[in-house]
Amino acid sequence: MDIYIARADQQSGPFSEEQIKSMLKTGMVGLGDHAWHDELEDWKPLHTVLKLPPPTKPQFAPASPVGDQIHFAAPVVRASLAHSGQPASFLSRLAAHVIDYLLTAFAGTIASITVWLLFLSTGPDDTAGDHPNFLSLAFSITGWLYFALMESSPKQATLGKMALRLIVTDLNGERVTFGRASGRYWGMILSAFTLGIGFFMCGWTQKRQCLHDILSGCLVLKKS
């Protein structure tokens, strides 16, 4: 079970239950901190998640003074989710995809009409009808550049995902590269070829990943 920890307005994880128990022994986390995993609807105290007795006094992580500031020790596992929250639900991802589909369909239509007009201007009237593959290619390239460029940008999201406060990250919660975002986009073809099951996999996989997320090593997260 992957568990995320929240303390002092900062989130980290995922951690295994064994790692968290080890961190409890060293004081890296406290039983009063909040925790979440994909079987919970909301954050709960860590002692509740681990089914342990509640803390009898306030607990703090080891800290070291630097000037007038106090800095908490970092988690033993580097998996920062400072800019994100919990894995996105199937319905929020579906709503974002519908928005993106409408946008890319509109942009792809404009691109296809432009290609068609270019053929008309450079050859006989019947030439454009002989090149349906170029029109499909214009549609595909438009969608690829839209998803790959925006998901690898500092925003880490398409316009649809921005509307639903979703972002795309790697498995460590970091921004993805253009190449990884491209792999995720073309991986959607495999998700579609499984009769759509690849898309529905985010409803039951541990990290709520679709097939193309798993293949590209990506996560879709709901911003906190």
C-alpha atoms as a PDB file:
ATOM      1  CA  MET A   1       0.000   0.000   0.000  1.00  0.00           C
ATOM      2  CA  ASP A   2       1.427   3.418  -0.988  1.00  0.00           C
ATOM      3  CA  ILE A   3       0.870   6.027   1.729  1.00  0.00           C
ATOM      4  CA  TYR A   4       1.359   9.788   1.425  1.00  0.00           C
ATOM      5  CA  ILE A   5       2.243  11.945   4.435  1.00  0.00           C
ATOM      6  CA  ALA A   6       1.287  15.602   5.039  1.00  0.00           C
ATOM      7  CA  ARG A   7       2.909  17.739   7.721  1.00  0.00           C
ATOM      8  CA  ALA A   8       3.610  21.451   8.045  1.00  0.00           C
ATOM      9  CA  ASP A   9       1.733  22.119   4.760  1.00  0.00           C
ATOM     10  CA  GLN A  10       4.121  19.845   2.847  1.00  0.00           C
ATOM     11  CA  GLN A  11       3.270  16.499   1.303  1.00  0.00           C
ATOM     12  CA  SER A  12       5.674  13.629   0.613  1.00  0.00           C
ATOM     13  CA  GLY A  13       5.531  10.025  -0.473  1.00  0.00           C
ATOM     14  CA  PRO A  14       4.538   7.478  -1.439  1.00  0.00           C
ATOM     15  CA  PHE A  15       5.955   5.349   1.366  1.00  0.00           C
ATOM     16  CA  SER A  16       5.355   1.740   2.309  1.00  0.00           C
ATOM     17  CA  GLU A  17       3.935   0.926   5.735  1.00  0.00           C
ATOM     18  CA  GLU A  18       7.324  -0.495   6.779  1.00  0.00           C
ATOM     19  CA  GLN A  19       9.108   2.719   5.773  1.00  0.00           C
ATOM     20  CA  ILE A  20       6.643   4.832   7.747  1.00  0.00           C
ATOM     21  CA  LYS A  21       7.048   2.699  10.859  1.00  0.00           C
ATOM     22  CA  SER A  22      10.805   3.113  10.550  1.00  0.00           C
ATOM     23  CA  MET A  23      10.356   6.880  10.180  1.00  0.00           C
ATOM     24  CA  LEU A  24       8.158   6.904  13.298  1.00  0.00           C
ATOM     25  CA  LYS A  25      10.969   5.301  15.313  1.00  0.00           C
ATOM     26  CA  THR A  26      13.443   7.989  14.233  1.00  0.00           C
ATOM     27  CA  GLY A  27      10.981  10.851  14.663  1.00  0.00           C
ATOM     28  CA  MET A  28      10.894  11.717  10.960  1.00  0.00           C
ATOM     29  CA  VAL A  29       7.087  11.613  11.101  1.00  0.00           C
ATOM     30  CA  GLY A  30       4.608  11.675  13.964  1.00  0.00           C
ATOM     31  CA  LEU A  31       1.391   9.820  14.696  1.00  0.00           C
ATOM     32  CA  GLY A  32      -0.408  13.163  14.604  1.00  0.00           C
ATOM     33  CA  ASP A  33       0.597  13.815  10.979  1.00  0.00           C
ATOM     34  CA  HIS A  34      -2.018  13.236   8.316  1.00  0.00           C
ATOM     35  CA  ALA A  35      -1.873  10.381   5.814  1.00  0.00           C
ATOM     36  CA  TRP A  36      -3.697   9.266   2.670  1.00  0.00           C
ATOM     37  CA  HIS A  37      -3.768   6.251   0.351  1.00  0.00           C
ATOM     38  CA  ASP A  38      -5.965   5.402  -2.612  1.00  0.00           C
ATOM     39  CA  GLU A  39      -8.531   3.542  -0.497  1.00  0.00           C
ATOM     40  CA  LEU A  40      -9.327   6.672   1.530  1.00  0.00           C
ATOM     41  CA  GLU A  41     -11.618   9.479   0.445  1.00  0.00           C
ATOM     42  CA  ASP A  42      -9.828  12.099   2.557  1.00  0.00           C
ATOM     43  CA  TRP A  43      -6.722  12.615   4.680  1.00  0.00           C
ATOM     44  CA  LYS A  44      -6.751  11.003   8.141  1.00  0.00           C
ATOM     45  CA  PRO A  45      -4.386  11.055  11.139  1.00  0.00           C
ATOM     46  CA  LEU A  46      -1.493   8.684  10.639  1.00  0.00           C
ATOM     47  CA  HIS A  47      -2.283   6.685  13.793  1.00  0.00           C
ATOM     48  CA  THR A  48      -5.786   6.053  12.394  1.00  0.00           C
ATOM     49  CA  VAL A  49      -4.419   4.827   9.055  1.00  0.00           C
ATOM     50  CA  LEU A  50      -1.899   2.516  10.751  1.00  0.00           C
ATOM     51  CA  LYS A  51      -4.443   1.507  13.434  1.00  0.00           C
ATOM     52  CA  LEU A  52      -2.153   2.596  16.274  1.00  0.00           C
ATOM     53  CA  PRO A  53      -2.961   4.387  19.557  1.00  0.00           C
ATOM     54  CA  PRO A  54      -3.146   8.189  19.188  1.00  0.00           C
ATOM     55  CA  PRO A  55      -0.158  10.262  20.360  1.00  0.00           C
ATOM     56  CA  THR A  56      -0.218  11.306  24.007  1.00  0.00           C
ATOM     57  CA  LYS A  57       1.763  14.511  23.375  1.00  0.00           C
ATOM     58  CA  PRO A  58       2.705  16.692  20.374  1.00  0.00           C
ATOM     59  CA  GLN A  59       5.381  15.127  18.208  1.00  0.00           C
ATOM     60  CA  PHE A  60       7.881  16.977  16.067  1.00  0.00           C
ATOM     61  CA  ALA A  61      10.422  15.854  13.535  1.00  0.00           C
ATOM     62  CA  PRO A  62      14.108  16.370  14.319  1.00  0.00           C
ATOM     63  CA  ALA A  63      15.044  19.907  13.384  1.00  0.00           C
ATOM     64  CA  SER A  64      18.204  21.930  13.084  1.00  0.00           C
ATOM     65  CA  PRO A  65      18.341  25.710  13.545  1.00  0.00           C
ATOM     66  CA  VAL A  66      19.653  27.752  10.639  1.00  0.00           C
ATOM     67  CA  GLY A  67      19.747  31.402  11.632  1.00  0.00           C
ATOM     68  CA  ASP A  68      16.320  32.185  13.043  1.00  0.00           C
ATOM     69  CA  GLN A  69      14.568  29.426  11.058  1.00  0.00           C
ATOM     70  CA  ILE A  70      13.845  25.790  11.822  1.00  0.00           C
ATOM     71  CA  HIS A  71      14.147  23.225   9.021  1.00  0.00           C
ATOM     72  CA  PHE A  72      12.520  19.807   9.357  1.00  0.00           C
ATOM     73  CA  ALA A  73      14.530  16.799   8.335  1.00  0.00           C
ATOM     74  CA  ALA A  74      13.729  15.506   4.842  1.00  0.00           C
ATOM     75  CA  PRO A  75      11.932  12.160   4.310  1.00  0.00           C
ATOM     76  CA  VAL A  76      14.195   9.156   3.870  1.00  0.00           C
ATOM     77  CA  VAL A  77      12.665   8.520   0.435  1.00  0.00           C
ATOM     78  CA  ARG A  78      12.891  11.263  -2.186  1.00  0.00           C
ATOM     79  CA  ALA A  79       9.437  11.505  -3.737  1.00  0.00           C
ATOM     80  CA  SER A  80       8.353  15.121  -3.466  1.00  0.00           C
ATOM     81  CA  LEU A  81       4.731  15.991  -4.144  1.00  0.00           C
ATOM     82  CA  ALA A  82       4.990  19.593  -3.019  1.00  0.00           C
ATOM     83  CA  HIS A  83       3.070  20.807  -6.063  1.00  0.00           C
ATOM     84  CA  SER A  84       0.529  18.028  -6.160  1.00  0.00           C
ATOM     85  CA  GLY A  85      -1.911  16.022  -4.120  1.00  0.00           C
ATOM     86  CA  GLN A  86      -3.620  12.685  -4.438  1.00  0.00           C
ATOM     87  CA  PRO A  87      -4.021  10.647  -7.643  1.00  0.00           C
ATOM     88  CA  ALA A  88      -6.818  11.993  -9.825  1.00  0.00           C
ATOM     89  CA  SER A  89     -10.139  10.157  -9.948  1.00  0.00           C
ATOM     90  CA  PHE A  90     -11.504   8.531 -13.101  1.00  0.00           C
ATOM     91  CA  LEU A  91     -14.346  11.061 -13.407  1.00  0.00           C
ATOM     92  CA  SER A  92     -12.067  14.109 -13.128  1.00  0.00           C
ATOM     93  CA  ARG A  93      -9.744  12.651 -15.744  1.00  0.00           C
ATOM     94  CA  LEU A  94     -12.695  11.894 -18.015  1.00  0.00           C
ATOM     95  CA  ALA A  95     -14.015  15.462 -17.713  1.00  0.00           C
ATOM     96  CA  ALA A  96     -10.568  16.887 -18.509  1.00  0.00           C
ATOM     97  CA  HIS A  97     -10.224  14.573 -21.513  1.00  0.00           C
ATOM     98  CA  VAL A  98     -13.598  15.652 -22.901  1.00  0.00           C
ATOM     99  CA  ILE A  99     -12.486  19.301 -22.762  1.00  0.00           C
ATOM    100  CA  ASP A 100      -9.159  18.444 -24.411  1.00  0.00           C
ATOM    101  CA  TYR A 101     -10.878  16.331 -27.075  1.00  0.00           C
ATOM    102  CA  LEU A 102     -13.147  19.213 -28.069  1.00  0.00           C
ATOM    103  CA  LEU A 103     -10.192  21.613 -28.211  1.00  0.00           C
ATOM    104  CA  THR A 104      -7.973  19.290 -30.250  1.00  0.00           C
ATOM    105  CA  ALA A 105     -10.874  18.382 -32.556  1.00  0.00           C
ATOM    106  CA  PHE A 106     -11.367  22.063 -33.302  1.00  0.00           C
ATOM    107  CA  ALA A 107      -7.632  22.685 -33.792  1.00  0.00           C
ATOM    108  CA  GLY A 108      -7.267  19.509 -35.855  1.00  0.00           C
ATOM    109  CA  THR A 109     -10.151  20.550 -38.081  1.00  0.00           C
ATOM    110  CA  ILE A 110      -8.489  23.916 -38.727  1.00  0.00           C
ATOM    111  CA  ALA A 111      -5.183  22.166 -39.496  1.00  0.00           C
ATOM    112  CA  SER A 112      -6.897  19.689 -41.836  1.00  0.00           C
ATOM    113  CA  ILE A 113      -8.734  22.461 -43.709  1.00  0.00           C
ATOM    114  CA  THR A 114      -5.441  24.319 -44.072  1.00  0.00           C
ATOM    115  CA  VAL A 115      -3.762  21.224 -45.555  1.00  0.00           C
ATOM    116  CA  TRP A 116      -6.721  20.671 -47.874  1.00  0.00           C
ATOM    117  CA  LEU A 117      -6.611  24.283 -49.085  1.00  0.00           C
ATOM    118  CA  LEU A 118      -2.881  23.968 -49.742  1.00  0.00           C
ATOM    119  CA  PHE A 119      -3.518  20.960 -51.987  1.00  0.00           C
ATOM    120  CA  LEU A 120      -6.228  22.875 -53.841  1.00  0.00           C
ATOM    121  CA  SER A 121      -3.891  25.780 -54.430  1.00  0.00           C
ATOM    122  CA  THR A 122      -1.080  23.585 -55.797  1.00  0.00           C
ATOM    123  CA  GLY A 123      -2.957  21.140 -58.013  1.00  0.00           C
ATOM    124  CA  PRO A 124      -6.232  20.181 -59.734  1.00  0.00           C
ATOM    125  CA  ASP A 125      -9.458  20.269 -57.734  1.00  0.00           C
ATOM    126  CA  ASP A 126      -9.519  16.485 -57.394  1.00  0.00           C
ATOM    127  CA  THR A 127      -5.985  16.312 -55.957  1.00  0.00           C
ATOM    128  CA  ALA A 128      -7.054  17.001 -52.377  1.00  0.00           C
ATOM    129  CA  GLY A 129      -9.385  14.044 -52.377  1.00  0.00           C
ATOM    130  CA  ASP A 130      -6.449  11.741 -53.159  1.00  0.00           C
ATOM    131  CA  HIS A 131      -4.672  12.569 -49.901  1.00  0.00           C
ATOM    132  CA  PRO A 132      -6.873  11.553 -46.942  1.00  0.00           C
ATOM    133  CA  ASN A 133      -3.778  10.310 -45.106  1.00  0.00           C
ATOM    134  CA  PHE A 134      -2.380  13.827 -44.968  1.00  0.00           C
ATOM    135  CA  LEU A 135      -5.585  15.073 -43.354  1.00  0.00           C
ATOM    136  CA  SER A 136      -5.420  12.322 -40.712  1.00  0.00           C
ATOM    137  CA  LEU A 137      -1.759  13.119 -40.160  1.00  0.00           C
ATOM    138  CA  ALA A 138      -2.610  16.782 -39.550  1.00  0.00           C
ATOM    139  CA  PHE A 139      -5.142  15.689 -36.912  1.00  0.00           C
ATOM    140  CA  SER A 140      -2.636  13.368 -35.202  1.00  0.00           C
ATOM    141  CA  ILE A 141       0.218  15.874 -35.151  1.00  0.00           C
ATOM    142  CA  THR A 142      -2.055  18.573 -33.731  1.00  0.00           C
ATOM    143  CA  GLY A 143      -3.151  16.319 -30.855  1.00  0.00           C
ATOM    144  CA  TRP A 144       0.392  15.084 -30.183  1.00  0.00           C
ATOM    145  CA  LEU A 145       1.900  18.578 -29.990  1.00  0.00           C
ATOM    146  CA  TYR A 146      -0.985  19.851 -27.859  1.00  0.00           C
ATOM    147  CA  PHE A 147      -0.660  17.117 -25.214  1.00  0.00           C
ATOM    148  CA  ALA A 148       3.120  16.666 -25.267  1.00  0.00           C
ATOM    149  CA  LEU A 149       4.054  20.354 -25.232  1.00  0.00           C
ATOM    150  CA  MET A 150       1.557  21.340 -22.538  1.00  0.00           C
ATOM    151  CA  GLU A 151       2.108  18.352 -20.226  1.00  0.00           C
ATOM    152  CA  SER A 152       5.902  18.857 -20.378  1.00  0.00           C
ATOM    153  CA  SER A 153       5.563  22.614 -19.834  1.00  0.00           C
ATOM    154  CA  PRO A 154       5.930  24.295 -16.413  1.00  0.00           C
ATOM    155  CA  LYS A 155       2.115  24.062 -16.089  1.00  0.00           C
ATOM    156  CA  GLN A 156       2.361  20.242 -16.445  1.00  0.00           C
ATOM    157  CA  ALA A 157      -1.183  20.156 -17.790  1.00  0.00           C
ATOM    158  CA  THR A 158      -3.382  20.634 -20.816  1.00  0.00           C
ATOM    159  CA  LEU A 159      -6.171  23.203 -20.718  1.00  0.00           C
ATOM    160  CA  GLY A 160      -8.662  20.497 -19.753  1.00  0.00           C
ATOM    161  CA  LYS A 161      -6.473  19.331 -16.892  1.00  0.00           C
ATOM    162  CA  MET A 162      -5.919  22.918 -15.749  1.00  0.00           C
ATOM    163  CA  ALA A 163      -9.682  23.367 -15.542  1.00  0.00           C
ATOM    164  CA  LEU A 164      -9.925  20.317 -13.257  1.00  0.00           C
ATOM    165  CA  ARG A 165      -6.715  21.172 -11.313  1.00  0.00           C
ATOM    166  CA  LEU A 166      -4.874  18.091 -12.580  1.00  0.00           C
ATOM    167  CA  ILE A 167      -1.206  17.745 -13.479  1.00  0.00           C
ATOM    168  CA  VAL A 168       0.961  15.085 -15.134  1.00  0.00           C
ATOM    169  CA  THR A 169       4.135  14.016 -13.299  1.00  0.00           C
ATOM    170  CA  ASP A 170       6.680  11.229 -13.344  1.00  0.00           C
ATOM    171  CA  LEU A 171       6.635   8.599 -10.590  1.00  0.00           C
ATOM    172  CA  ASN A 172       8.500  10.969  -8.251  1.00  0.00           C
ATOM    173  CA  GLY A 173       5.996  13.783  -8.675  1.00  0.00           C
ATOM    174  CA  GLU A 174       8.364  15.756 -10.918  1.00  0.00           C
ATOM    175  CA  ARG A 175       7.759  17.482 -14.263  1.00  0.00           C
ATOM    176  CA  VAL A 176       7.954  15.128 -17.269  1.00  0.00           C
ATOM    177  CA  THR A 177      10.122  15.633 -20.337  1.00  0.00           C
ATOM    178  CA  PHE A 178       8.750  16.221 -23.827  1.00  0.00           C
ATOM    179  CA  GLY A 179       9.832  12.700 -24.785  1.00  0.00           C
ATOM    180  CA  ARG A 180       8.000  11.103 -21.860  1.00  0.00           C
ATOM    181  CA  ALA A 181       4.892  13.201 -22.540  1.00  0.00           C
ATOM    182  CA  SER A 182       5.059  12.120 -26.198  1.00  0.00           C
ATOM    183  CA  GLY A 183       5.296   8.466 -25.169  1.00  0.00           C
ATOM    184  CA  ARG A 184       2.272   8.941 -22.925  1.00  0.00           C
ATOM    185  CA  TYR A 185       0.262  10.456 -25.795  1.00  0.00           C
ATOM    186  CA  TRP A 186       1.053   7.719 -28.315  1.00  0.00           C
ATOM    187  CA  GLY A 187       0.489   5.123 -25.595  1.00  0.00           C
ATOM    188  CA  MET A 188      -3.175   6.153 -25.653  1.00  0.00           C
ATOM    189  CA  ILE A 189      -3.390   4.181 -28.907  1.00  0.00           C
ATOM    190  CA  LEU A 190      -2.678   0.985 -26.953  1.00  0.00           C
ATOM    191  CA  SER A 191      -5.228   1.988 -24.314  1.00  0.00           C
ATOM    192  CA  ALA A 192      -7.785   2.378 -27.111  1.00  0.00           C
ATOM    193  CA  PHE A 193      -6.819  -0.923 -28.791  1.00  0.00           C
ATOM    194  CA  THR A 194      -7.740  -2.791 -25.593  1.00  0.00           C
ATOM    195  CA  LEU A 195     -11.396  -1.901 -26.277  1.00  0.00           C
ATOM    196  CA  GLY A 196     -10.942   1.076 -23.980  1.00  0.00           C
ATOM    197  CA  ILE A 197      -9.984  -1.055 -20.975  1.00  0.00           C
ATOM    198  CA  GLY A 198      -6.615   0.708 -20.858  1.00  0.00           C
ATOM    199  CA  PHE A 199      -8.408   3.968 -20.049  1.00  0.00           C
ATOM    200  CA  PHE A 200     -10.600   2.408 -17.363  1.00  0.00           C
ATOM    201  CA  MET A 201      -7.581   0.895 -15.585  1.00  0.00           C
ATOM    202  CA  CYS A 202      -7.178   4.108 -13.571  1.00  0.00           C
ATOM    203  CA  GLY A 203     -10.321   3.071 -11.718  1.00  0.00           C
ATOM    204  CA  TRP A 204      -8.680   0.063 -10.044  1.00  0.00           C
ATOM    205  CA  THR A 205      -4.868   0.294 -10.348  1.00  0.00           C
ATOM    206  CA  GLN A 206      -3.006   1.145  -7.139  1.00  0.00           C
ATOM    207  CA  LYS A 207      -1.825   4.574  -8.294  1.00  0.00           C
ATOM    208  CA  ARG A 208      -4.895   5.180 -10.491  1.00  0.00           C
ATOM    209  CA  GLN A 209      -2.872   4.855 -13.684  1.00  0.00           C
ATOM    210  CA  CYS A 210      -4.242   4.135 -17.138  1.00  0.00           C
ATOM    211  CA  LEU A 211      -2.324   1.735 -19.366  1.00  0.00           C
ATOM    212  CA  HIS A 212      -0.529   4.603 -21.143  1.00  0.00           C
ATOM    213  CA  ASP A 213       0.431   6.085 -17.751  1.00  0.00           C
ATOM    214  CA  ILE A 214       2.014   2.787 -16.691  1.00  0.00           C
ATOM    215  CA  LEU A 215       3.878   2.378 -19.990  1.00  0.00           C
ATOM    216  CA  SER A 216       5.289   5.916 -19.859  1.00  0.00           C
ATOM    217  CA  GLY A 217       5.925   5.987 -16.095  1.00  0.00           C
ATOM    218  CA  CYS A 218       3.545   8.872 -15.423  1.00  0.00           C
ATOM    219  CA  LEU A 219       0.992   9.866 -12.814  1.00  0.00           C
ATOM    220  CA  VAL A 220      -2.012  12.189 -13.090  1.00  0.00           C
ATOM    221  CA  LEU A 221      -2.508  14.000  -9.783  1.00  0.00           C
ATOM    222  CA  LYS A 222      -5.122  16.317  -8.311  1.00  0.00           C
ATOM    223  CA  LYS A 223      -3.441  19.529  -7.128  1.00  0.00           C
ATOM    224  CA  SER A 224      -3.881  20.156  -3.421  1.00  0.00           C
END
